[in-house]
Amino acid sequence: MLETLLAAARSWFGPALSPAFTLWGSPVTWLEIVAFAVALAMVVANMRVHWVAWPLAIASSLMYALLFADAKLYGEAGLQFVFVAVALWGWWQWLRGTGADGAPLVVHRLPRRAWAPVIGATLAGWVGLALLLDHATDSPVPWFDALPTAASITGQLLLARKCLENWPTWLGVNLVSVALFAHKALWLTAVLYALFAVLSVAGWRVWRQRLREQAHD
């Protein structure tokens, strides 16, 4: 079934999946180039706490779903559809969401009591997804694929609620993802996630500054 869907997608989006150029001995598709640009714009918008980040997230997720499925990174591909759903929720949160005090949602820290459940759910998600990928797909790297997939869901949920801790979560995800995509010779995407890692540190600093400014308002 999965192979049939992929074959249909390749026939529909054949030109987008055709090589635009070769990087370090591996082809870079037109789809990967466009997804690269849209995803980079998304992270910059996140740093600025601008709602346009969410429609950009939806667009880039749909493009990466096809790209990752074509590379047999099924965990990463499936994650993109979770991202689309969370992006719709996050979009609403940033426009209409409220904090615990009922005021409009602002950048804040995750309460300490929530750390253990968040970390525990992430680890459980990693193990569960890795076992699923190992038994239900032909993924050559189920555990490697599942780790950033599970942690990305955590990061996306924290981002949607404007929790500062989304940035260190993304930093970890991005560093693991660089190694994963390099292993699969998705070089442009590996470069993108290296940039994401740098932007995660920058975003962390920008949001910490925003927290300090909010404290003085």
N, C-alpha and C. Protein backbone atom coordinates (compact mmCIF):
# COMPACT_ATOMS: atom_id res chain seq x y z
N MET A 1 0.83 -1.20 0.00
CA MET A 1 0.00 0.00 0.00
C MET A 1 0.87 1.26 0.00
N LEU A 2 1.86 1.30 0.89
CA LEU A 2 2.75 2.44 0.99
C LEU A 2 3.52 2.63 -0.31
N GLU A 3 4.01 1.50 -0.86
CA GLU A 3 4.77 1.58 -2.11
C GLU A 3 3.89 2.11 -3.24
N THR A 4 2.61 1.74 -3.27
CA THR A 4 1.69 2.21 -4.29
C THR A 4 1.47 3.71 -4.19
N LEU A 5 1.30 4.20 -2.97
CA LEU A 5 1.11 5.63 -2.76
C LEU A 5 2.34 6.43 -3.19
N LEU A 6 3.53 5.89 -2.84
CA LEU A 6 4.76 6.57 -3.22
C LEU A 6 4.93 6.61 -4.74
N ALA A 7 4.58 5.50 -5.38
CA ALA A 7 4.68 5.46 -6.85
C ALA A 7 3.74 6.49 -7.48
N ALA A 8 2.54 6.61 -6.92
CA ALA A 8 1.58 7.60 -7.43
C ALA A 8 2.10 9.01 -7.22
N ALA A 9 2.68 9.26 -6.04
CA ALA A 9 3.21 10.59 -5.74
C ALA A 9 4.35 10.94 -6.68
N ARG A 10 5.21 9.96 -6.97
CA ARG A 10 6.33 10.21 -7.88
C ARG A 10 5.83 10.54 -9.29
N SER A 11 4.73 9.91 -9.69
CA SER A 11 4.19 10.19 -11.03
C SER A 11 3.55 11.57 -11.08
N TRP A 12 2.91 11.98 -9.98
CA TRP A 12 2.26 13.29 -9.94
C TRP A 12 3.27 14.43 -9.81
N PHE A 13 4.30 14.20 -8.98
CA PHE A 13 5.26 15.27 -8.68
C PHE A 13 6.63 14.97 -9.27
N GLY A 14 6.65 14.23 -10.36
CA GLY A 14 7.90 13.84 -10.98
C GLY A 14 8.87 14.98 -11.21
N PRO A 15 8.44 16.10 -11.84
CA PRO A 15 9.38 17.21 -12.08
C PRO A 15 9.98 17.78 -10.80
N ALA A 16 9.16 17.86 -9.73
CA ALA A 16 9.66 18.42 -8.47
C ALA A 16 10.70 17.51 -7.83
N LEU A 17 10.60 16.20 -8.09
CA LEU A 17 11.54 15.25 -7.52
C LEU A 17 12.74 14.99 -8.45
N SER A 18 12.79 15.68 -9.56
CA SER A 18 13.93 15.52 -10.46
C SER A 18 15.10 16.35 -9.95
N PRO A 19 16.34 15.92 -10.21
CA PRO A 19 17.52 16.64 -9.68
C PRO A 19 17.68 18.02 -10.31
N ALA A 20 17.98 18.99 -9.45
CA ALA A 20 18.30 20.34 -9.93
C ALA A 20 19.81 20.49 -10.10
N PHE A 21 20.56 19.88 -9.18
CA PHE A 21 22.02 19.86 -9.26
C PHE A 21 22.53 18.77 -8.34
N THR A 22 23.82 18.56 -8.35
CA THR A 22 24.43 17.54 -7.50
C THR A 22 25.27 18.22 -6.43
N LEU A 23 25.11 17.75 -5.18
CA LEU A 23 25.87 18.30 -4.06
C LEU A 23 26.58 17.17 -3.35
N TRP A 24 27.92 17.23 -3.33
CA TRP A 24 28.74 16.20 -2.69
C TRP A 24 28.39 14.80 -3.21
N GLY A 25 28.17 14.72 -4.50
CA GLY A 25 27.95 13.43 -5.15
C GLY A 25 26.53 12.92 -5.10
N SER A 26 25.60 13.69 -4.51
CA SER A 26 24.20 13.25 -4.42
C SER A 26 23.29 14.30 -5.04
N PRO A 27 22.21 13.87 -5.72
CA PRO A 27 21.31 14.82 -6.37
C PRO A 27 20.48 15.61 -5.37
N VAL A 28 20.28 16.88 -5.66
CA VAL A 28 19.40 17.75 -4.87
C VAL A 28 18.20 18.08 -5.75
N THR A 29 17.01 17.75 -5.30
CA THR A 29 15.80 17.95 -6.12
C THR A 29 15.28 19.37 -6.00
N TRP A 30 14.43 19.73 -6.99
CA TRP A 30 13.78 21.04 -6.94
C TRP A 30 12.90 21.15 -5.70
N LEU A 31 12.26 20.05 -5.34
CA LEU A 31 11.40 20.06 -4.15
C LEU A 31 12.20 20.39 -2.89
N GLU A 32 13.39 19.81 -2.76
CA GLU A 32 14.21 20.06 -1.59
C GLU A 32 14.65 21.52 -1.53
N ILE A 33 14.91 22.12 -2.69
CA ILE A 33 15.33 23.52 -2.72
C ILE A 33 14.21 24.44 -2.23
N VAL A 34 13.00 24.22 -2.74
CA VAL A 34 11.86 25.05 -2.33
C VAL A 34 11.54 24.83 -0.85
N ALA A 35 11.54 23.57 -0.42
CA ALA A 35 11.26 23.27 0.99
C ALA A 35 12.29 23.92 1.90
N PHE A 36 13.54 23.93 1.46
CA PHE A 36 14.63 24.57 2.20
C PHE A 36 14.31 26.04 2.45
N ALA A 37 13.94 26.77 1.39
CA ALA A 37 13.68 28.19 1.50
C ALA A 37 12.48 28.49 2.39
N VAL A 38 11.40 27.72 2.23
CA VAL A 38 10.19 27.94 3.01
C VAL A 38 10.43 27.64 4.50
N ALA A 39 11.16 26.56 4.78
CA ALA A 39 11.43 26.19 6.16
C ALA A 39 12.31 27.23 6.85
N LEU A 40 13.26 27.77 6.13
CA LEU A 40 14.13 28.79 6.71
C LEU A 40 13.33 30.04 7.06
N ALA A 41 12.44 30.44 6.15
CA ALA A 41 11.58 31.60 6.42
C ALA A 41 10.69 31.34 7.64
N MET A 42 10.24 30.10 7.81
CA MET A 42 9.40 29.73 8.94
C MET A 42 10.12 29.95 10.27
N VAL A 43 11.38 29.50 10.35
CA VAL A 43 12.12 29.62 11.61
C VAL A 43 12.37 31.09 11.95
N VAL A 44 12.68 31.90 10.94
CA VAL A 44 12.88 33.33 11.18
C VAL A 44 11.60 33.95 11.73
N ALA A 45 10.45 33.57 11.17
CA ALA A 45 9.17 34.08 11.67
C ALA A 45 8.91 33.61 13.09
N ASN A 46 9.30 32.37 13.42
CA ASN A 46 9.15 31.87 14.79
C ASN A 46 9.97 32.71 15.77
N MET A 47 11.19 33.04 15.37
CA MET A 47 12.05 33.87 16.22
C MET A 47 11.40 35.21 16.52
N ARG A 48 10.68 35.75 15.53
CA ARG A 48 10.03 37.05 15.68
C ARG A 48 8.65 36.93 16.33
N VAL A 49 8.25 35.69 16.68
CA VAL A 49 6.94 35.41 17.27
C VAL A 49 5.84 35.98 16.36
N HIS A 50 5.97 35.72 15.05
CA HIS A 50 4.99 36.20 14.08
C HIS A 50 4.14 35.03 13.59
N TRP A 51 2.83 35.22 13.56
CA TRP A 51 1.90 34.14 13.22
C TRP A 51 2.12 33.57 11.83
N VAL A 52 2.74 34.32 10.90
CA VAL A 52 2.93 33.80 9.55
C VAL A 52 3.81 32.55 9.54
N ALA A 53 4.52 32.30 10.65
CA ALA A 53 5.33 31.08 10.76
C ALA A 53 4.49 29.83 10.56
N TRP A 54 3.23 29.86 10.98
CA TRP A 54 2.42 28.65 10.95
C TRP A 54 1.97 28.25 9.55
N PRO A 55 1.45 29.16 8.70
CA PRO A 55 1.18 28.73 7.31
C PRO A 55 2.44 28.32 6.57
N LEU A 56 3.57 28.96 6.88
CA LEU A 56 4.84 28.52 6.28
C LEU A 56 5.19 27.11 6.75
N ALA A 57 4.90 26.81 8.02
CA ALA A 57 5.16 25.48 8.56
C ALA A 57 4.33 24.42 7.85
N ILE A 58 3.07 24.75 7.57
CA ILE A 58 2.19 23.81 6.88
C ILE A 58 2.72 23.51 5.48
N ALA A 59 3.11 24.55 4.76
CA ALA A 59 3.63 24.38 3.40
C ALA A 59 4.91 23.56 3.39
N SER A 60 5.85 23.89 4.28
CA SER A 60 7.12 23.16 4.29
C SER A 60 6.93 21.71 4.73
N SER A 61 6.00 21.47 5.66
CA SER A 61 5.76 20.11 6.13
C SER A 61 5.23 19.22 5.02
N LEU A 62 4.33 19.73 4.22
CA LEU A 62 3.78 18.94 3.12
C LEU A 62 4.86 18.61 2.10
N MET A 63 5.74 19.55 1.83
CA MET A 63 6.82 19.29 0.89
C MET A 63 7.81 18.26 1.44
N TYR A 64 8.16 18.40 2.72
CA TYR A 64 9.11 17.47 3.32
C TYR A 64 8.51 16.08 3.51
N ALA A 65 7.20 15.98 3.65
CA ALA A 65 6.57 14.66 3.76
C ALA A 65 6.87 13.83 2.52
N LEU A 66 6.73 14.45 1.35
CA LEU A 66 7.02 13.75 0.10
C LEU A 66 8.51 13.47 -0.04
N LEU A 67 9.33 14.43 0.31
CA LEU A 67 10.78 14.27 0.19
C LEU A 67 11.29 13.14 1.07
N PHE A 68 10.84 13.10 2.33
CA PHE A 68 11.30 12.08 3.26
C PHE A 68 10.76 10.70 2.90
N ALA A 69 9.52 10.63 2.46
CA ALA A 69 8.97 9.34 2.07
C ALA A 69 9.74 8.77 0.88
N ASP A 70 10.14 9.65 -0.03
CA ASP A 70 10.92 9.21 -1.18
C ASP A 70 12.28 8.68 -0.75
N ALA A 71 12.79 9.19 0.39
CA ALA A 71 14.08 8.73 0.91
C ALA A 71 13.93 7.58 1.92
N LYS A 72 12.71 7.05 2.08
CA LYS A 72 12.40 5.96 3.00
C LYS A 72 12.61 6.34 4.47
N LEU A 73 12.50 7.63 4.78
CA LEU A 73 12.52 8.08 6.17
C LEU A 73 11.05 8.25 6.60
N TYR A 74 10.40 7.11 6.86
CA TYR A 74 8.96 7.11 7.05
C TYR A 74 8.53 7.80 8.35
N GLY A 75 9.37 7.70 9.37
CA GLY A 75 9.05 8.40 10.61
C GLY A 75 9.03 9.90 10.39
N GLU A 76 10.06 10.42 9.74
CA GLU A 76 10.13 11.84 9.44
C GLU A 76 8.99 12.26 8.50
N ALA A 77 8.64 11.39 7.53
CA ALA A 77 7.55 11.71 6.60
C ALA A 77 6.22 11.79 7.34
N GLY A 78 5.92 10.79 8.17
CA GLY A 78 4.68 10.81 8.93
C GLY A 78 4.61 11.98 9.89
N LEU A 79 5.77 12.35 10.44
CA LEU A 79 5.83 13.48 11.36
C LEU A 79 5.31 14.76 10.71
N GLN A 80 5.54 14.91 9.43
CA GLN A 80 5.14 16.14 8.76
C GLN A 80 3.63 16.34 8.80
N PHE A 81 2.86 15.26 8.76
CA PHE A 81 1.40 15.39 8.84
C PHE A 81 0.96 15.74 10.26
N VAL A 82 1.72 15.25 11.25
CA VAL A 82 1.46 15.68 12.63
C VAL A 82 1.76 17.17 12.74
N PHE A 83 2.86 17.60 12.10
CA PHE A 83 3.21 19.01 12.10
C PHE A 83 2.10 19.88 11.50
N VAL A 84 1.48 19.40 10.43
CA VAL A 84 0.40 20.16 9.81
C VAL A 84 -0.75 20.35 10.80
N ALA A 85 -1.13 19.27 11.49
CA ALA A 85 -2.21 19.35 12.47
C ALA A 85 -1.84 20.28 13.63
N VAL A 86 -0.61 20.14 14.14
CA VAL A 86 -0.18 20.99 15.25
C VAL A 86 -0.04 22.44 14.79
N ALA A 87 0.38 22.64 13.53
CA ALA A 87 0.53 24.00 13.01
C ALA A 87 -0.81 24.72 12.96
N LEU A 88 -1.87 24.00 12.60
CA LEU A 88 -3.20 24.61 12.59
C LEU A 88 -3.59 25.03 14.00
N TRP A 89 -3.30 24.16 14.98
CA TRP A 89 -3.58 24.47 16.38
C TRP A 89 -2.70 25.62 16.87
N GLY A 90 -1.41 25.56 16.52
CA GLY A 90 -0.48 26.61 16.94
C GLY A 90 -0.84 27.96 16.36
N TRP A 91 -1.29 27.96 15.10
CA TRP A 91 -1.73 29.19 14.45
C TRP A 91 -2.85 29.83 15.26
N TRP A 92 -3.83 29.01 15.65
CA TRP A 92 -4.94 29.52 16.45
C TRP A 92 -4.45 29.99 17.82
N GLN A 93 -3.52 29.23 18.43
CA GLN A 93 -3.00 29.60 19.74
C GLN A 93 -2.33 30.97 19.71
N TRP A 94 -1.53 31.21 18.67
CA TRP A 94 -0.80 32.48 18.60
C TRP A 94 -1.72 33.66 18.30
N LEU A 95 -2.85 33.40 17.68
CA LEU A 95 -3.79 34.47 17.36
C LEU A 95 -4.86 34.66 18.44
N ARG A 96 -5.29 33.55 19.07
CA ARG A 96 -6.42 33.63 19.99
C ARG A 96 -6.16 32.96 21.34
N GLY A 97 -5.01 32.29 21.50
CA GLY A 97 -4.75 31.54 22.72
C GLY A 97 -4.56 32.42 23.94
N THR A 98 -4.77 31.84 25.11
CA THR A 98 -4.58 32.55 26.38
C THR A 98 -3.69 31.74 27.30
N GLY A 99 -3.07 32.42 28.26
CA GLY A 99 -2.24 31.77 29.26
C GLY A 99 -3.07 31.28 30.43
N ALA A 100 -2.39 30.78 31.47
CA ALA A 100 -3.09 30.26 32.64
C ALA A 100 -3.89 31.34 33.35
N ASP A 101 -3.48 32.61 33.18
CA ASP A 101 -4.18 33.72 33.83
C ASP A 101 -5.33 34.28 32.99
N GLY A 102 -5.56 33.67 31.83
CA GLY A 102 -6.63 34.14 30.97
C GLY A 102 -6.25 35.27 30.06
N ALA A 103 -5.05 35.80 30.21
CA ALA A 103 -4.57 36.89 29.35
C ALA A 103 -4.06 36.31 28.03
N PRO A 104 -3.90 37.15 26.99
CA PRO A 104 -3.37 36.65 25.72
C PRO A 104 -2.04 35.93 25.91
N LEU A 105 -1.85 34.87 25.14
CA LEU A 105 -0.67 34.02 25.27
C LEU A 105 0.59 34.81 24.96
N VAL A 106 1.59 34.71 25.85
CA VAL A 106 2.89 35.37 25.65
C VAL A 106 4.00 34.34 25.88
N VAL A 107 5.21 34.71 25.52
CA VAL A 107 6.37 33.84 25.77
C VAL A 107 6.51 33.61 27.27
N HIS A 108 6.69 32.35 27.66
CA HIS A 108 6.82 32.01 29.08
C HIS A 108 7.63 30.73 29.23
N ARG A 109 8.03 30.42 30.45
CA ARG A 109 8.77 29.19 30.74
C ARG A 109 7.81 28.05 31.06
N LEU A 110 8.21 26.85 30.69
CA LEU A 110 7.43 25.67 31.04
C LEU A 110 7.51 25.46 32.55
N PRO A 111 6.38 25.29 33.25
CA PRO A 111 6.43 25.05 34.70
C PRO A 111 7.27 23.81 35.03
N ARG A 112 8.04 23.88 36.09
CA ARG A 112 8.93 22.77 36.46
C ARG A 112 8.17 21.46 36.66
N ARG A 113 6.96 21.54 37.16
CA ARG A 113 6.18 20.32 37.39
C ARG A 113 5.84 19.60 36.09
N ALA A 114 5.93 20.32 34.97
CA ALA A 114 5.59 19.72 33.68
C ALA A 114 6.80 19.06 33.00
N TRP A 115 8.01 19.30 33.51
CA TRP A 115 9.20 18.78 32.85
C TRP A 115 9.20 17.25 32.77
N ALA A 116 8.94 16.59 33.90
CA ALA A 116 8.99 15.12 33.92
C ALA A 116 7.98 14.49 32.97
N PRO A 117 6.70 14.94 32.97
CA PRO A 117 5.75 14.37 32.00
C PRO A 117 6.16 14.61 30.55
N VAL A 118 6.69 15.78 30.26
CA VAL A 118 7.09 16.09 28.88
C VAL A 118 8.25 15.19 28.45
N ILE A 119 9.26 15.06 29.30
CA ILE A 119 10.41 14.21 28.96
C ILE A 119 9.99 12.75 28.87
N GLY A 120 9.16 12.30 29.81
CA GLY A 120 8.69 10.92 29.79
C GLY A 120 7.88 10.59 28.55
N ALA A 121 7.00 11.50 28.16
CA ALA A 121 6.18 11.27 26.96
C ALA A 121 7.05 11.24 25.71
N THR A 122 8.09 12.06 25.68
CA THR A 122 8.99 12.08 24.52
C THR A 122 9.75 10.77 24.40
N LEU A 123 10.27 10.27 25.51
CA LEU A 123 11.02 9.00 25.49
C LEU A 123 10.10 7.84 25.12
N ALA A 124 8.89 7.85 25.68
CA ALA A 124 7.94 6.78 25.34
C ALA A 124 7.57 6.83 23.86
N GLY A 125 7.39 8.03 23.34
CA GLY A 125 7.09 8.18 21.92
C GLY A 125 8.22 7.68 21.04
N TRP A 126 9.45 7.94 21.46
CA TRP A 126 10.63 7.47 20.70
C TRP A 126 10.63 5.95 20.61
N VAL A 127 10.50 5.30 21.77
CA VAL A 127 10.54 3.83 21.79
C VAL A 127 9.38 3.24 20.99
N GLY A 128 8.17 3.76 21.21
CA GLY A 128 7.01 3.23 20.51
C GLY A 128 7.11 3.40 19.01
N LEU A 129 7.55 4.57 18.57
CA LEU A 129 7.66 4.82 17.14
C LEU A 129 8.78 3.99 16.51
N ALA A 130 9.88 3.85 17.22
CA ALA A 130 11.00 3.06 16.69
C ALA A 130 10.58 1.60 16.49
N LEU A 131 9.85 1.04 17.45
CA LEU A 131 9.38 -0.34 17.31
C LEU A 131 8.40 -0.47 16.15
N LEU A 132 7.54 0.54 15.99
CA LEU A 132 6.58 0.52 14.87
C LEU A 132 7.31 0.56 13.53
N LEU A 133 8.27 1.46 13.39
CA LEU A 133 9.03 1.57 12.15
C LEU A 133 9.83 0.31 11.86
N ASP A 134 10.34 -0.30 12.93
CA ASP A 134 11.16 -1.50 12.77
C ASP A 134 10.35 -2.68 12.25
N HIS A 135 9.09 -2.77 12.70
CA HIS A 135 8.26 -3.92 12.34
C HIS A 135 7.32 -3.67 11.16
N ALA A 136 6.98 -2.41 10.89
CA ALA A 136 5.96 -2.14 9.88
C ALA A 136 6.49 -1.51 8.59
N THR A 137 7.77 -1.14 8.56
CA THR A 137 8.32 -0.51 7.36
C THR A 137 9.68 -1.14 7.03
N ASP A 138 10.22 -0.71 5.89
CA ASP A 138 11.55 -1.17 5.51
C ASP A 138 12.61 -0.12 5.84
N SER A 139 12.32 0.73 6.82
CA SER A 139 13.28 1.76 7.23
C SER A 139 14.58 1.11 7.69
N PRO A 140 15.73 1.56 7.15
CA PRO A 140 17.01 1.00 7.58
C PRO A 140 17.51 1.59 8.90
N VAL A 141 16.87 2.67 9.37
CA VAL A 141 17.34 3.34 10.59
C VAL A 141 16.15 3.69 11.49
N PRO A 142 15.39 2.70 11.96
CA PRO A 142 14.16 3.01 12.71
C PRO A 142 14.40 3.81 13.99
N TRP A 143 15.42 3.46 14.76
CA TRP A 143 15.66 4.16 16.03
C TRP A 143 16.22 5.55 15.78
N PHE A 144 17.10 5.66 14.82
CA PHE A 144 17.69 6.93 14.44
C PHE A 144 16.62 7.88 13.89
N ASP A 145 15.71 7.35 13.11
CA ASP A 145 14.62 8.12 12.52
C ASP A 145 13.62 8.54 13.58
N ALA A 146 13.32 7.64 14.52
CA ALA A 146 12.26 7.88 15.50
C ALA A 146 12.63 8.93 16.55
N LEU A 147 13.93 9.05 16.88
CA LEU A 147 14.32 9.98 17.94
C LEU A 147 13.98 11.43 17.61
N PRO A 148 14.47 11.98 16.49
CA PRO A 148 14.08 13.36 16.20
C PRO A 148 12.60 13.52 15.88
N THR A 149 11.98 12.44 15.41
CA THR A 149 10.54 12.49 15.13
C THR A 149 9.76 12.73 16.41
N ALA A 150 10.01 11.93 17.43
CA ALA A 150 9.29 12.07 18.70
C ALA A 150 9.60 13.40 19.37
N ALA A 151 10.88 13.79 19.38
CA ALA A 151 11.26 15.04 20.02
C ALA A 151 10.72 16.25 19.27
N SER A 152 10.55 16.12 17.95
CA SER A 152 10.01 17.23 17.17
C SER A 152 8.56 17.51 17.54
N ILE A 153 7.80 16.46 17.84
CA ILE A 153 6.41 16.67 18.26
C ILE A 153 6.39 17.47 19.56
N THR A 154 7.29 17.11 20.48
CA THR A 154 7.40 17.85 21.74
C THR A 154 7.75 19.30 21.47
N GLY A 155 8.76 19.52 20.61
CA GLY A 155 9.17 20.88 20.31
C GLY A 155 8.06 21.70 19.68
N GLN A 156 7.29 21.09 18.81
CA GLN A 156 6.22 21.80 18.12
C GLN A 156 5.10 22.18 19.09
N LEU A 157 4.78 21.29 20.02
CA LEU A 157 3.75 21.60 21.01
C LEU A 157 4.20 22.72 21.95
N LEU A 158 5.47 22.68 22.36
CA LEU A 158 6.01 23.74 23.22
C LEU A 158 6.03 25.07 22.48
N LEU A 159 6.37 25.02 21.20
CA LEU A 159 6.38 26.24 20.39
C LEU A 159 4.97 26.82 20.27
N ALA A 160 3.98 25.95 20.04
CA ALA A 160 2.60 26.40 19.88
C ALA A 160 2.11 27.13 21.12
N ARG A 161 2.60 26.71 22.28
CA ARG A 161 2.19 27.36 23.53
C ARG A 161 3.17 28.44 23.97
N LYS A 162 4.11 28.80 23.08
CA LYS A 162 5.09 29.86 23.33
C LYS A 162 5.95 29.59 24.56
N CYS A 163 6.29 28.32 24.78
CA CYS A 163 7.18 27.96 25.88
C CYS A 163 8.63 28.16 25.44
N LEU A 164 9.42 28.84 26.25
CA LEU A 164 10.83 29.09 25.93
C LEU A 164 11.58 27.80 25.65
N GLU A 165 11.21 26.72 26.34
CA GLU A 165 11.94 25.46 26.23
C GLU A 165 11.82 24.80 24.87
N ASN A 166 10.99 25.35 23.99
CA ASN A 166 10.93 24.78 22.65
C ASN A 166 12.28 24.92 21.95
N TRP A 167 13.04 25.97 22.24
CA TRP A 167 14.29 26.22 21.52
C TRP A 167 15.39 25.23 21.87
N PRO A 168 15.66 24.92 23.17
CA PRO A 168 16.64 23.86 23.42
C PRO A 168 16.18 22.50 22.92
N THR A 169 14.86 22.27 22.91
CA THR A 169 14.35 21.02 22.34
C THR A 169 14.68 20.95 20.85
N TRP A 170 14.43 22.03 20.13
CA TRP A 170 14.75 22.06 18.70
C TRP A 170 16.24 21.97 18.45
N LEU A 171 17.05 22.52 19.33
CA LEU A 171 18.50 22.42 19.15
C LEU A 171 18.92 20.96 19.14
N GLY A 172 18.42 20.18 20.10
CA GLY A 172 18.73 18.76 20.13
C GLY A 172 18.21 18.03 18.91
N VAL A 173 16.98 18.32 18.52
CA VAL A 173 16.39 17.70 17.34
C VAL A 173 17.23 17.99 16.10
N ASN A 174 17.62 19.23 15.94
CA ASN A 174 18.34 19.65 14.74
C ASN A 174 19.72 19.00 14.65
N LEU A 175 20.41 18.88 15.78
CA LEU A 175 21.74 18.27 15.76
C LEU A 175 21.66 16.79 15.37
N VAL A 176 20.67 16.08 15.92
CA VAL A 176 20.49 14.67 15.55
C VAL A 176 20.07 14.56 14.09
N SER A 177 19.22 15.48 13.65
CA SER A 177 18.72 15.43 12.28
C SER A 177 19.83 15.68 11.26
N VAL A 178 20.79 16.52 11.58
CA VAL A 178 21.92 16.75 10.68
C VAL A 178 22.61 15.42 10.38
N ALA A 179 22.86 14.66 11.43
CA ALA A 179 23.52 13.36 11.24
C ALA A 179 22.64 12.39 10.45
N LEU A 180 21.33 12.40 10.74
CA LEU A 180 20.40 11.51 10.05
C LEU A 180 20.34 11.82 8.56
N PHE A 181 20.19 13.07 8.21
CA PHE A 181 20.05 13.43 6.80
C PHE A 181 21.37 13.30 6.04
N ALA A 182 22.48 13.51 6.72
CA ALA A 182 23.77 13.27 6.09
C ALA A 182 23.93 11.78 5.80
N HIS A 183 23.47 10.95 6.73
CA HIS A 183 23.53 9.50 6.53
C HIS A 183 22.73 9.08 5.30
N LYS A 184 21.61 9.79 5.03
CA LYS A 184 20.76 9.47 3.88
C LYS A 184 21.14 10.29 2.65
N ALA A 185 22.24 11.04 2.72
CA ALA A 185 22.74 11.85 1.60
C ALA A 185 21.75 12.92 1.16
N LEU A 186 20.91 13.39 2.07
CA LEU A 186 20.05 14.54 1.80
C LEU A 186 20.83 15.78 2.23
N TRP A 187 21.81 16.13 1.43
CA TRP A 187 22.80 17.10 1.87
C TRP A 187 22.24 18.50 2.08
N LEU A 188 21.37 18.95 1.18
CA LEU A 188 20.81 20.28 1.36
C LEU A 188 19.96 20.35 2.62
N THR A 189 19.22 19.29 2.89
CA THR A 189 18.42 19.24 4.11
C THR A 189 19.32 19.17 5.35
N ALA A 190 20.44 18.46 5.25
CA ALA A 190 21.40 18.42 6.36
C ALA A 190 21.95 19.82 6.63
N VAL A 191 22.25 20.56 5.56
CA VAL A 191 22.73 21.94 5.72
C VAL A 191 21.63 22.80 6.36
N LEU A 192 20.38 22.61 5.91
CA LEU A 192 19.27 23.36 6.47
C LEU A 192 19.16 23.12 7.98
N TYR A 193 19.27 21.86 8.41
CA TYR A 193 19.13 21.57 9.83
C TYR A 193 20.33 22.05 10.63
N ALA A 194 21.49 22.16 9.99
CA ALA A 194 22.63 22.79 10.66
C ALA A 194 22.34 24.27 10.89
N LEU A 195 21.73 24.92 9.89
CA LEU A 195 21.31 26.31 10.06
C LEU A 195 20.23 26.41 11.13
N PHE A 196 19.32 25.44 11.13
CA PHE A 196 18.29 25.42 12.18
C PHE A 196 18.92 25.36 13.57
N ALA A 197 19.98 24.57 13.71
CA ALA A 197 20.64 24.46 15.01
C ALA A 197 21.17 25.82 15.46
N VAL A 198 21.80 26.54 14.53
CA VAL A 198 22.30 27.88 14.84
C VAL A 198 21.14 28.82 15.18
N LEU A 199 20.07 28.74 14.39
CA LEU A 199 18.91 29.60 14.64
C LEU A 199 18.19 29.23 15.94
N SER A 200 18.29 27.96 16.34
CA SER A 200 17.70 27.55 17.63
C SER A 200 18.37 28.28 18.78
N VAL A 201 19.69 28.39 18.70
CA VAL A 201 20.43 29.13 19.74
C VAL A 201 20.05 30.60 19.70
N ALA A 202 19.97 31.16 18.47
CA ALA A 202 19.60 32.57 18.33
C ALA A 202 18.17 32.80 18.83
N GLY A 203 17.24 31.90 18.47
CA GLY A 203 15.87 32.03 18.92
C GLY A 203 15.74 31.94 20.43
N TRP A 204 16.52 31.05 21.02
CA TRP A 204 16.56 30.90 22.48
C TRP A 204 16.94 32.23 23.12
N ARG A 205 17.96 32.89 22.59
CA ARG A 205 18.43 34.17 23.13
C ARG A 205 17.38 35.26 22.93
N VAL A 206 16.77 35.30 21.74
CA VAL A 206 15.76 36.33 21.46
C VAL A 206 14.56 36.18 22.39
N TRP A 207 14.10 34.95 22.59
CA TRP A 207 12.94 34.74 23.45
C TRP A 207 13.28 35.00 24.92
N ARG A 208 14.51 34.71 25.34
CA ARG A 208 14.90 35.03 26.72
C ARG A 208 14.88 36.54 26.92
N GLN A 209 15.34 37.27 25.90
CA GLN A 209 15.29 38.73 25.99
C GLN A 209 13.85 39.22 26.05
N ARG A 210 12.97 38.59 25.27
CA ARG A 210 11.55 38.97 25.30
C ARG A 210 10.96 38.72 26.69
N LEU A 211 11.37 37.60 27.32
CA LEU A 211 10.89 37.32 28.68
C LEU A 211 11.31 38.42 29.64
N ARG A 212 12.58 38.86 29.53
CA ARG A 212 13.06 39.92 30.41
C ARG A 212 12.31 41.22 30.18
N GLU A 213 12.01 41.52 28.92
CA GLU A 213 11.27 42.75 28.62
C GLU A 213 9.85 42.66 29.16
N GLN A 214 9.22 41.48 29.06
CA GLN A 214 7.87 41.30 29.59
C GLN A 214 7.85 41.49 31.10
N ALA A 215 8.92 41.04 31.77
CA ALA A 215 8.99 41.15 33.23
C ALA A 215 9.06 42.59 33.69
N HIS A 216 9.56 43.48 32.81
CA HIS A 216 9.70 44.89 33.18
C HIS A 216 8.53 45.75 32.71
N ASP A 217 7.60 45.12 31.97
CA ASP A 217 6.43 45.88 31.49
C ASP A 217 5.41 46.11 32.61
